[in-house]
């Protein structure tokens, strides 16, 4: 909420949600036939955006380093060709929950600068850091290249549970890029409900203490979930560094579609990893009342105990 990045009001383009911004970024930064590099696994609307806008896309597969999803910089650079004009970045990462540090971001920007690639950085979960030794670093604040060649997506919906009031800020310091982005909204992007602005303003002005309590609550939920799931043979969960989404490694369970097992046998709603482009995982939302979380863990443990 107070990240230390000073922005100008004129840089901000309001849109009705982060997914809208992803699509507009593809339409703005890419001409027909040009390509965006998209991380994988990733929240599915990232993949959809290039298809929606009839643009090309190649996947940049992240490395699972003991539960932390990390960038493969060599593979990233190999994917950048003359037709690659944009790279999608998600920090904190969805579904993995990685908080990419300044060193990692610096290396990524250096690669993009070398190949003259624009970066669309979705940072919608940045106010939900769960580890005290970590902090969010805005990619666009790194240097002049990052500033002038980026579209940063921020918003209140994840932090304050305001998904019912779709609102996101597309922060674009480069005037020419910003004007193209705005032009591409004309006749396509719907207006933003005034209540979204009212609710968001109220949240940022008056919900500071609530936000602090939320972070502590999520930390405890994460701890409880980690303890509960790691008791089950075949499951591995180290927990996100930010956010309220658990990216659970189910590869050792032998389940072909673990999401189906969680839903149909445990009665717990999850997304299967295939929706994010990575089979053998599930994503579980632990941003819920503790009683609901504890019942979910009990159901999952019972379902796995009855498999054989």
Foldseek 3Di string as FASTA:
>chain_A
DPAPDDADPVQKDKAQADLVVLLLCLLLQADAAAEEEEEPLAQQSNVVSCVVNNHHYDYQYFDQDQLATHGDLVSVLVPQDLRHAEYEAEACTPPSQEHDDPVRLVSVLVSCVVRNHAYEYEDAQQLFFQDPVDHHDDSLPNDPSSQQRYWYKYDCCQLPVVNVQGMIITGHNHPVSVVSSVVVCPPPGDDGDPVSVVVRVCCVVPCPVVSVVLSVVLNVLQVVLQVLQVVFPQKHWPGHSGGFKTKIARQRVPDFFVQCLLCVQLVAHWAASVSSPDHRIIIHGSSDPSVVSVSSSVSVVVSRVPPD
